[in-house]
Amino acid sequence: MKALSTSEEQVMAALWACGKPATRRQIAAKLPPDCVWADSTLLNFLLRLEAKGYVRPEKQGNKNIYTPLVRRVTYCGAVSAAHLQTLYGGDLRSMVAALSDTGRITNAEMERLARWLDIRVAESPEYDYD
């Protein structure tokens, strides 16, 4: 999977947020407020994403409709795994500790995460001892 710049990730997040293939204007409407790009800038990012295999444009009348070719969960999983490996040597506990130590995750959030993990592990066929 080819790496994306922060701006390209913002465009993909906006396209995913549309929930269906979308026009440039629909994508622009889903961008964060600090992304005040010219139309040509957004089109340039969409062209880069097409070249990297992330989107497919289809002509519909006088405009392009952009379809994501990579699911959000697929991209996020790959990028998260790469960052986890690069920054924490693959140790998820070290990542959570860093988030906690810097105040970026609260104790309440860690408790919710622990409960979710307990449920996830219990539902996993890997741990089905019946």
N, C-alpha and C. Protein backbone atom coordinates (compact mmCIF):
# COMPACT_ATOMS: atom_id res chain seq x y z
N MET A 1 0.85 -1.17 0.00
CA MET A 1 0.00 0.00 0.00
C MET A 1 0.90 1.24 0.00
N LYS A 2 0.67 2.12 -0.95
CA LYS A 2 1.51 3.31 -1.07
C LYS A 2 1.17 4.31 0.02
N ALA A 3 2.21 4.96 0.53
CA ALA A 3 2.03 5.94 1.61
C ALA A 3 1.31 7.18 1.09
N LEU A 4 0.52 7.78 1.97
CA LEU A 4 -0.19 9.00 1.64
C LEU A 4 0.34 10.14 2.50
N SER A 5 0.34 11.34 1.92
CA SER A 5 0.67 12.53 2.69
C SER A 5 -0.50 12.85 3.62
N THR A 6 -0.27 13.74 4.56
CA THR A 6 -1.34 14.14 5.47
C THR A 6 -2.51 14.73 4.69
N SER A 7 -2.23 15.55 3.70
CA SER A 7 -3.30 16.16 2.90
C SER A 7 -4.06 15.10 2.11
N GLU A 8 -3.34 14.12 1.55
CA GLU A 8 -4.02 13.05 0.82
C GLU A 8 -4.90 12.23 1.77
N GLU A 9 -4.42 12.00 3.00
CA GLU A 9 -5.24 11.30 3.99
C GLU A 9 -6.50 12.09 4.30
N GLN A 10 -6.39 13.41 4.39
CA GLN A 10 -7.56 14.24 4.66
C GLN A 10 -8.59 14.12 3.53
N VAL A 11 -8.11 14.08 2.30
CA VAL A 11 -9.01 13.93 1.15
C VAL A 11 -9.68 12.56 1.20
N MET A 12 -8.91 11.51 1.49
CA MET A 12 -9.51 10.17 1.57
C MET A 12 -10.52 10.10 2.71
N ALA A 13 -10.19 10.69 3.86
CA ALA A 13 -11.13 10.68 4.99
C ALA A 13 -12.43 11.40 4.60
N ALA A 14 -12.31 12.48 3.86
CA ALA A 14 -13.50 13.21 3.41
C ALA A 14 -14.32 12.36 2.44
N LEU A 15 -13.63 11.67 1.53
CA LEU A 15 -14.34 10.80 0.58
C LEU A 15 -15.02 9.65 1.31
N TRP A 16 -14.33 9.02 2.24
CA TRP A 16 -14.94 7.94 3.03
C TRP A 16 -16.14 8.47 3.80
N ALA A 17 -16.05 9.70 4.32
CA ALA A 17 -17.14 10.28 5.10
C ALA A 17 -18.38 10.53 4.23
N CYS A 18 -18.19 10.67 2.93
CA CYS A 18 -19.33 10.85 2.03
C CYS A 18 -20.21 9.61 2.01
N GLY A 19 -19.62 8.45 2.25
CA GLY A 19 -20.39 7.20 2.33
C GLY A 19 -20.77 6.60 0.99
N LYS A 20 -20.41 7.25 -0.08
CA LYS A 20 -20.69 6.75 -1.44
C LYS A 20 -19.79 7.52 -2.39
N PRO A 21 -19.69 7.07 -3.64
CA PRO A 21 -18.91 7.85 -4.61
C PRO A 21 -19.38 9.31 -4.62
N ALA A 22 -18.43 10.24 -4.74
CA ALA A 22 -18.77 11.64 -4.54
C ALA A 22 -18.07 12.55 -5.54
N THR A 23 -18.65 13.71 -5.72
CA THR A 23 -18.04 14.74 -6.57
C THR A 23 -16.99 15.49 -5.77
N ARG A 24 -16.21 16.29 -6.48
CA ARG A 24 -15.19 17.11 -5.82
C ARG A 24 -15.85 18.03 -4.79
N ARG A 25 -16.96 18.62 -5.12
CA ARG A 25 -17.65 19.53 -4.19
C ARG A 25 -18.15 18.80 -2.94
N GLN A 26 -18.66 17.59 -3.11
CA GLN A 26 -19.12 16.81 -1.96
C GLN A 26 -17.94 16.44 -1.06
N ILE A 27 -16.82 16.11 -1.68
CA ILE A 27 -15.61 15.80 -0.91
C ILE A 27 -15.14 17.05 -0.17
N ALA A 28 -15.11 18.18 -0.86
CA ALA A 28 -14.67 19.44 -0.24
C ALA A 28 -15.52 19.79 0.97
N ALA A 29 -16.81 19.49 0.91
CA ALA A 29 -17.71 19.79 2.01
C ALA A 29 -17.41 18.96 3.26
N LYS A 30 -16.74 17.83 3.10
CA LYS A 30 -16.42 16.95 4.23
C LYS A 30 -15.01 17.18 4.78
N LEU A 31 -14.25 18.06 4.15
CA LEU A 31 -12.89 18.34 4.62
C LEU A 31 -12.93 19.12 5.93
N PRO A 32 -11.89 18.99 6.76
CA PRO A 32 -11.83 19.78 8.00
C PRO A 32 -11.84 21.28 7.68
N PRO A 33 -12.34 22.09 8.60
CA PRO A 33 -12.43 23.54 8.36
C PRO A 33 -11.10 24.21 8.00
N ASP A 34 -9.98 23.64 8.50
CA ASP A 34 -8.68 24.26 8.21
C ASP A 34 -8.17 23.95 6.80
N CYS A 35 -8.87 23.10 6.06
CA CYS A 35 -8.49 22.80 4.67
C CYS A 35 -9.23 23.75 3.75
N VAL A 36 -8.69 24.92 3.58
CA VAL A 36 -9.29 25.92 2.71
C VAL A 36 -8.50 25.97 1.40
N TRP A 37 -8.58 24.88 0.66
CA TRP A 37 -7.83 24.74 -0.57
C TRP A 37 -8.62 25.27 -1.75
N ALA A 38 -7.89 25.71 -2.75
CA ALA A 38 -8.51 26.06 -4.03
C ALA A 38 -9.01 24.77 -4.68
N ASP A 39 -10.00 24.91 -5.57
CA ASP A 39 -10.52 23.73 -6.28
C ASP A 39 -9.40 22.97 -6.98
N SER A 40 -8.47 23.71 -7.57
CA SER A 40 -7.38 23.07 -8.30
C SER A 40 -6.48 22.25 -7.38
N THR A 41 -6.33 22.69 -6.14
CA THR A 41 -5.51 21.95 -5.17
C THR A 41 -6.17 20.62 -4.84
N LEU A 42 -7.47 20.64 -4.57
CA LEU A 42 -8.19 19.41 -4.29
C LEU A 42 -8.15 18.48 -5.49
N LEU A 43 -8.33 19.01 -6.68
CA LEU A 43 -8.25 18.18 -7.89
C LEU A 43 -6.87 17.56 -8.03
N ASN A 44 -5.84 18.31 -7.69
CA ASN A 44 -4.47 17.78 -7.74
C ASN A 44 -4.31 16.61 -6.78
N PHE A 45 -4.83 16.74 -5.56
CA PHE A 45 -4.76 15.64 -4.60
C PHE A 45 -5.54 14.42 -5.12
N LEU A 46 -6.69 14.66 -5.71
CA LEU A 46 -7.48 13.54 -6.27
C LEU A 46 -6.73 12.85 -7.40
N LEU A 47 -6.01 13.62 -8.22
CA LEU A 47 -5.19 13.01 -9.29
C LEU A 47 -4.07 12.16 -8.69
N ARG A 48 -3.44 12.66 -7.63
CA ARG A 48 -2.38 11.89 -6.96
C ARG A 48 -2.95 10.59 -6.39
N LEU A 49 -4.14 10.69 -5.77
CA LEU A 49 -4.77 9.51 -5.20
C LEU A 49 -5.14 8.51 -6.28
N GLU A 50 -5.55 9.00 -7.43
CA GLU A 50 -5.83 8.10 -8.56
C GLU A 50 -4.56 7.40 -9.01
N ALA A 51 -3.47 8.14 -9.13
CA ALA A 51 -2.19 7.57 -9.55
C ALA A 51 -1.68 6.52 -8.56
N LYS A 52 -1.99 6.69 -7.29
CA LYS A 52 -1.57 5.75 -6.26
C LYS A 52 -2.54 4.58 -6.10
N GLY A 53 -3.65 4.60 -6.85
CA GLY A 53 -4.60 3.49 -6.80
C GLY A 53 -5.62 3.57 -5.68
N TYR A 54 -5.83 4.75 -5.11
CA TYR A 54 -6.78 4.90 -4.01
C TYR A 54 -8.18 5.29 -4.46
N VAL A 55 -8.29 5.98 -5.60
CA VAL A 55 -9.60 6.41 -6.09
C VAL A 55 -9.71 6.14 -7.59
N ARG A 56 -10.96 6.04 -8.03
CA ARG A 56 -11.24 5.91 -9.46
C ARG A 56 -12.26 6.98 -9.83
N PRO A 57 -11.88 7.87 -10.76
CA PRO A 57 -12.86 8.86 -11.21
C PRO A 57 -13.70 8.29 -12.36
N GLU A 58 -14.96 8.66 -12.39
CA GLU A 58 -15.84 8.29 -13.51
C GLU A 58 -16.56 9.54 -13.95
N LYS A 59 -16.53 9.79 -15.24
CA LYS A 59 -17.20 10.96 -15.79
C LYS A 59 -18.71 10.75 -15.71
N GLN A 60 -19.41 11.72 -15.16
CA GLN A 60 -20.86 11.69 -15.10
C GLN A 60 -21.35 13.08 -15.49
N GLY A 61 -21.79 13.19 -16.71
CA GLY A 61 -22.14 14.51 -17.23
C GLY A 61 -20.88 15.34 -17.38
N ASN A 62 -20.88 16.53 -16.78
CA ASN A 62 -19.71 17.40 -16.88
C ASN A 62 -18.83 17.36 -15.63
N LYS A 63 -19.02 16.35 -14.77
CA LYS A 63 -18.20 16.26 -13.56
C LYS A 63 -17.72 14.84 -13.33
N ASN A 64 -16.70 14.73 -12.52
CA ASN A 64 -16.18 13.42 -12.13
C ASN A 64 -16.81 12.99 -10.81
N ILE A 65 -17.08 11.71 -10.72
CA ILE A 65 -17.52 11.09 -9.47
C ILE A 65 -16.35 10.21 -9.03
N TYR A 66 -15.91 10.39 -7.78
CA TYR A 66 -14.75 9.67 -7.26
C TYR A 66 -15.21 8.53 -6.35
N THR A 67 -14.69 7.35 -6.64
CA THR A 67 -15.00 6.16 -5.87
C THR A 67 -13.74 5.71 -5.14
N PRO A 68 -13.82 5.50 -3.83
CA PRO A 68 -12.64 4.99 -3.12
C PRO A 68 -12.40 3.53 -3.50
N LEU A 69 -11.16 3.19 -3.76
CA LEU A 69 -10.78 1.81 -4.11
C LEU A 69 -10.18 1.07 -2.92
N VAL A 70 -9.93 1.79 -1.84
CA VAL A 70 -9.39 1.22 -0.61
C VAL A 70 -10.36 1.56 0.51
N ARG A 71 -10.73 0.55 1.27
CA ARG A 71 -11.64 0.78 2.40
C ARG A 71 -10.89 1.49 3.53
N ARG A 72 -11.62 2.30 4.27
CA ARG A 72 -11.02 3.03 5.39
C ARG A 72 -10.38 2.09 6.39
N VAL A 73 -11.08 1.02 6.76
CA VAL A 73 -10.56 0.09 7.76
C VAL A 73 -9.26 -0.57 7.26
N THR A 74 -9.18 -0.85 5.98
CA THR A 74 -7.98 -1.46 5.40
C THR A 74 -6.81 -0.50 5.50
N TYR A 75 -7.03 0.74 5.09
CA TYR A 75 -5.96 1.74 5.14
C TYR A 75 -5.54 2.01 6.58
N CYS A 76 -6.51 2.26 7.45
CA CYS A 76 -6.19 2.59 8.84
C CYS A 76 -5.45 1.44 9.53
N GLY A 77 -5.87 0.22 9.25
CA GLY A 77 -5.18 -0.93 9.84
C GLY A 77 -3.74 -1.02 9.39
N ALA A 78 -3.51 -0.82 8.09
CA ALA A 78 -2.14 -0.91 7.56
C ALA A 78 -1.26 0.21 8.10
N VAL A 79 -1.76 1.42 8.12
CA VAL A 79 -0.97 2.56 8.60
C VAL A 79 -0.73 2.44 10.09
N SER A 80 -1.74 2.03 10.84
CA SER A 80 -1.57 1.88 12.29
C SER A 80 -0.54 0.81 12.61
N ALA A 81 -0.59 -0.31 11.91
CA ALA A 81 0.37 -1.38 12.15
C ALA A 81 1.79 -0.92 11.83
N ALA A 82 1.93 -0.15 10.74
CA ALA A 82 3.26 0.35 10.36
C ALA A 82 3.79 1.33 11.41
N HIS A 83 2.93 2.24 11.88
CA HIS A 83 3.36 3.19 12.91
C HIS A 83 3.67 2.48 14.23
N LEU A 84 2.86 1.52 14.58
CA LEU A 84 3.10 0.75 15.80
C LEU A 84 4.47 0.08 15.74
N GLN A 85 4.77 -0.50 14.60
CA GLN A 85 6.06 -1.17 14.43
C GLN A 85 7.21 -0.17 14.45
N THR A 86 7.07 0.91 13.69
CA THR A 86 8.14 1.89 13.57
C THR A 86 8.41 2.63 14.88
N LEU A 87 7.35 3.09 15.54
CA LEU A 87 7.51 3.94 16.71
C LEU A 87 7.63 3.18 18.03
N TYR A 88 7.04 1.98 18.09
CA TYR A 88 6.99 1.26 19.37
C TYR A 88 7.51 -0.16 19.28
N GLY A 89 8.16 -0.50 18.17
CA GLY A 89 8.68 -1.85 18.01
C GLY A 89 7.60 -2.91 18.04
N GLY A 90 6.38 -2.51 17.69
CA GLY A 90 5.27 -3.45 17.67
C GLY A 90 4.61 -3.68 19.02
N ASP A 91 5.06 -2.96 20.05
CA ASP A 91 4.53 -3.15 21.40
C ASP A 91 3.36 -2.20 21.66
N LEU A 92 2.16 -2.73 21.59
CA LEU A 92 0.95 -1.93 21.79
C LEU A 92 0.90 -1.31 23.18
N ARG A 93 1.41 -2.02 24.18
CA ARG A 93 1.41 -1.49 25.55
C ARG A 93 2.25 -0.22 25.63
N SER A 94 3.37 -0.17 24.91
CA SER A 94 4.21 1.02 24.91
C SER A 94 3.47 2.21 24.29
N MET A 95 2.68 1.94 23.25
CA MET A 95 1.92 3.01 22.62
C MET A 95 0.86 3.56 23.58
N VAL A 96 0.13 2.66 24.24
CA VAL A 96 -0.91 3.09 25.18
C VAL A 96 -0.26 3.84 26.35
N ALA A 97 0.89 3.37 26.80
CA ALA A 97 1.60 4.05 27.90
C ALA A 97 2.00 5.46 27.46
N ALA A 98 2.48 5.62 26.25
CA ALA A 98 2.86 6.94 25.76
C ALA A 98 1.65 7.86 25.69
N LEU A 99 0.53 7.33 25.23
CA LEU A 99 -0.70 8.13 25.17
C LEU A 99 -1.15 8.54 26.57
N SER A 100 -1.05 7.61 27.50
CA SER A 100 -1.45 7.89 28.88
C SER A 100 -0.49 8.89 29.53
N ASP A 101 0.80 8.65 29.38
CA ASP A 101 1.81 9.50 30.02
C ASP A 101 1.77 10.94 29.52
N THR A 102 1.27 11.14 28.30
CA THR A 102 1.21 12.49 27.74
C THR A 102 -0.19 13.09 27.81
N GLY A 103 -1.10 12.41 28.50
CA GLY A 103 -2.44 12.93 28.69
C GLY A 103 -3.32 12.88 27.45
N ARG A 104 -2.96 12.06 26.48
CA ARG A 104 -3.75 11.97 25.25
C ARG A 104 -4.82 10.87 25.31
N ILE A 105 -4.79 10.10 26.40
CA ILE A 105 -5.84 9.12 26.66
C ILE A 105 -6.09 9.14 28.16
N THR A 106 -7.34 9.15 28.54
CA THR A 106 -7.69 9.24 29.97
C THR A 106 -7.81 7.84 30.56
N ASN A 107 -7.84 7.80 31.89
CA ASN A 107 -8.05 6.53 32.57
C ASN A 107 -9.40 5.93 32.18
N ALA A 108 -10.42 6.77 32.05
CA ALA A 108 -11.75 6.29 31.66
C ALA A 108 -11.69 5.66 30.26
N GLU A 109 -10.95 6.28 29.35
CA GLU A 109 -10.81 5.72 28.01
C GLU A 109 -10.05 4.40 28.04
N MET A 110 -9.03 4.32 28.90
CA MET A 110 -8.30 3.05 29.02
C MET A 110 -9.18 1.96 29.61
N GLU A 111 -10.05 2.31 30.56
CA GLU A 111 -10.98 1.32 31.13
C GLU A 111 -11.96 0.84 30.06
N ARG A 112 -12.48 1.75 29.24
CA ARG A 112 -13.37 1.35 28.14
C ARG A 112 -12.63 0.45 27.17
N LEU A 113 -11.38 0.78 26.88
CA LEU A 113 -10.56 -0.04 25.98
C LEU A 113 -10.36 -1.43 26.57
N ALA A 114 -10.07 -1.51 27.87
CA ALA A 114 -9.87 -2.81 28.53
C ALA A 114 -11.13 -3.66 28.45
N ARG A 115 -12.29 -3.05 28.69
CA ARG A 115 -13.56 -3.79 28.60
C ARG A 115 -13.79 -4.27 27.17
N TRP A 116 -13.53 -3.40 26.21
CA TRP A 116 -13.72 -3.76 24.80
C TRP A 116 -12.78 -4.92 24.43
N LEU A 117 -11.54 -4.85 24.90
CA LEU A 117 -10.58 -5.92 24.61
C LEU A 117 -11.03 -7.24 25.22
N ASP A 118 -11.55 -7.21 26.44
CA ASP A 118 -12.05 -8.42 27.08
C ASP A 118 -13.16 -9.05 26.24
N ILE A 119 -14.07 -8.23 25.77
CA ILE A 119 -15.18 -8.73 24.93
C ILE A 119 -14.63 -9.27 23.62
N ARG A 120 -13.73 -8.53 23.01
CA ARG A 120 -13.16 -8.93 21.72
C ARG A 120 -12.43 -10.27 21.84
N VAL A 121 -11.65 -10.44 22.88
CA VAL A 121 -10.93 -11.69 23.10
C VAL A 121 -11.91 -12.84 23.34
N ALA A 122 -12.94 -12.59 24.14
CA ALA A 122 -13.94 -13.63 24.43
C ALA A 122 -14.68 -14.07 23.17
N GLU A 123 -14.89 -13.16 22.24
CA GLU A 123 -15.61 -13.47 21.00
C GLU A 123 -14.71 -14.08 19.93
N SER A 124 -13.41 -14.04 20.14
CA SER A 124 -12.46 -14.52 19.14
C SER A 124 -12.48 -16.05 19.06
N PRO A 125 -12.59 -16.61 17.86
CA PRO A 125 -12.59 -18.08 17.72
C PRO A 125 -11.27 -18.69 18.19
N GLU A 126 -10.21 -17.92 18.21
CA GLU A 126 -8.91 -18.40 18.67
C GLU A 126 -8.97 -18.86 20.12
N TYR A 127 -9.89 -18.27 20.89
CA TYR A 127 -10.00 -18.59 22.30
C TYR A 127 -11.26 -19.40 22.61
N ASP A 128 -11.80 -20.03 21.63
CA ASP A 128 -13.01 -20.85 21.81
C ASP A 128 -12.56 -22.26 22.22
N TYR A 129 -12.73 -22.58 23.50
CA TYR A 129 -12.25 -23.85 24.03
C TYR A 129 -13.32 -24.92 24.06
N ASP A 130 -14.50 -24.67 23.51
CA ASP A 130 -15.58 -25.68 23.50
C ASP A 130 -15.28 -26.80 22.54
